[in-house]
Amino acid sequence: VRSAKKAKRAHGAPASTRDILAQYMLSKREDSLLKRKLLSHQAHVAERGVALEEGRVAREVEREAAEAKRLEERNRLEAQKFEHQVKMDEARLEAERDRRKFELERG
């Protein structure tokens, strides 16, 4: 009879009520471990999702800051160009005024 039980165990079939109960308790423990692992995994995924979202927001903020810096630089260059144009116009007007003054004195 003992060899029959061993043979049943070797083929994966439970040999007795005690074995069935042991397998049941083991499966409950495994279920509990799996549930804990699942909850831990879900928490990790949620944290990672938050981290990814924070990273996305940070990249978006960096992109907007870079765009603002580019616009600021463009505006600075346009202002510089405008100031240069004003100086050129003033110099041209002054030269024209000096030329007329010279012609009046000469002429």
Protein backbone atom coordinates (compact mmCIF):
# COMPACT_ATOMS: atom_id res chain seq x y z
CA VAL A 1 0.00 0.00 0.00
CA ARG A 2 2.83 2.40 0.75
CA SER A 3 4.33 1.92 -2.67
CA ALA A 4 0.96 2.70 -4.24
CA LYS A 5 0.86 6.03 -2.36
CA LYS A 6 4.39 6.79 -3.45
CA ALA A 7 3.45 5.94 -7.01
CA LYS A 8 0.43 8.27 -6.87
CA ARG A 9 2.59 11.06 -5.45
CA ALA A 10 5.19 10.50 -8.15
CA HIS A 11 2.50 11.00 -10.79
CA GLY A 12 1.25 14.17 -9.11
CA ALA A 13 -2.01 12.72 -7.78
CA PRO A 14 -2.73 13.34 -4.07
CA ALA A 15 -2.35 10.25 -1.96
CA SER A 16 -4.60 11.18 0.96
CA THR A 17 -6.95 13.75 2.45
CA ARG A 18 -4.00 15.17 4.35
CA ASP A 19 -2.11 15.62 1.09
CA ILE A 20 -5.15 17.28 -0.48
CA LEU A 21 -5.44 19.64 2.49
CA ALA A 22 -1.70 20.38 2.34
CA GLN A 23 -1.97 21.19 -1.37
CA TYR A 24 -5.00 23.41 -0.69
CA MET A 25 -3.16 25.32 2.04
CA LEU A 26 -0.12 25.64 -0.18
CA SER A 27 -2.26 26.99 -3.03
CA LYS A 28 -3.90 29.49 -0.64
CA ARG A 29 -0.44 30.63 0.50
CA GLU A 30 0.67 30.91 -3.13
CA ASP A 31 -2.50 32.89 -3.93
CA SER A 32 -1.72 35.22 -1.05
CA LEU A 33 1.86 35.66 -2.28
CA LEU A 34 0.62 36.26 -5.81
CA LYS A 35 -1.88 38.83 -4.56
CA ARG A 36 0.89 40.63 -2.66
CA LYS A 37 3.14 40.50 -5.70
CA LEU A 38 0.32 41.84 -7.87
CA LEU A 39 -0.39 44.69 -5.47
CA SER A 40 3.31 45.48 -5.27
CA HIS A 41 3.57 45.40 -9.05
CA GLN A 42 0.51 47.64 -9.41
CA ALA A 43 2.00 50.11 -6.92
CA HIS A 44 5.29 50.06 -8.83
CA VAL A 45 3.48 50.61 -12.14
CA ALA A 46 1.51 53.49 -10.61
CA GLU A 47 4.72 55.07 -9.27
CA ARG A 48 6.38 54.61 -12.63
CA GLY A 49 3.36 56.15 -14.33
CA VAL A 50 3.59 59.16 -12.04
CA ALA A 51 7.34 59.39 -12.68
CA LEU A 52 6.77 59.16 -16.43
CA GLU A 53 4.10 61.86 -16.24
CA GLU A 54 6.42 64.05 -14.17
CA GLY A 55 9.16 63.47 -16.74
CA ARG A 56 6.79 64.37 -19.57
CA VAL A 57 5.75 67.55 -17.78
CA ALA A 58 9.39 68.42 -17.05
CA ARG A 59 10.30 67.93 -20.73
CA GLU A 60 7.35 70.09 -21.74
CA VAL A 61 8.42 72.82 -19.32
CA GLU A 62 12.00 72.62 -20.65
CA ARG A 63 10.70 72.82 -24.22
CA GLU A 64 8.57 75.87 -23.38
CA ALA A 65 11.52 77.51 -21.59
CA ALA A 66 13.74 76.89 -24.62
CA GLU A 67 11.05 78.35 -26.90
CA ALA A 68 10.75 81.41 -24.64
CA LYS A 69 14.53 81.82 -24.72
CA ARG A 70 14.54 81.60 -28.53
CA LEU A 71 11.77 84.20 -28.76
CA GLU A 72 13.59 86.45 -26.31
CA GLU A 73 16.79 86.18 -28.37
CA ARG A 74 14.89 86.86 -31.60
CA ASN A 75 13.23 89.91 -30.06
CA ARG A 76 16.62 91.12 -28.79
CA LEU A 77 18.13 90.76 -32.26
CA GLU A 78 15.18 92.54 -33.87
CA ALA A 79 15.48 95.38 -31.35
CA GLN A 80 19.20 95.59 -32.03
CA LYS A 81 18.52 95.67 -35.78
CA PHE A 82 15.91 98.39 -35.30
CA GLU A 83 18.26 100.45 -33.14
CA HIS A 84 20.97 100.12 -35.78
CA GLN A 85 18.51 101.23 -38.48
CA VAL A 86 17.53 104.26 -36.36
CA LYS A 87 21.20 105.19 -35.91
CA MET A 88 21.80 104.81 -39.65
CA ASP A 89 18.78 107.02 -40.42
CA GLU A 90 19.95 109.64 -37.89
CA ALA A 91 23.44 109.60 -39.40
CA ARG A 92 21.98 109.93 -42.90
CA LEU A 93 19.78 112.86 -41.80
CA GLU A 94 22.71 114.53 -40.04
CA ALA A 95 24.88 114.10 -43.14
CA GLU A 96 22.08 115.56 -45.27
CA ARG A 97 21.70 118.49 -42.85
CA ASP A 98 25.47 119.11 -42.84
CA ARG A 99 25.54 118.99 -46.66
CA ARG A 100 22.72 121.54 -46.92
CA LYS A 101 24.37 123.74 -44.31
CA PHE A 102 27.64 123.55 -46.24
CA GLU A 103 25.86 124.38 -49.51
CA LEU A 104 24.11 127.37 -47.92
CA GLU A 105 27.38 128.66 -46.47
CA ARG A 106 29.08 128.17 -49.84
CA GLY A 107 26.45 129.27 -52.04
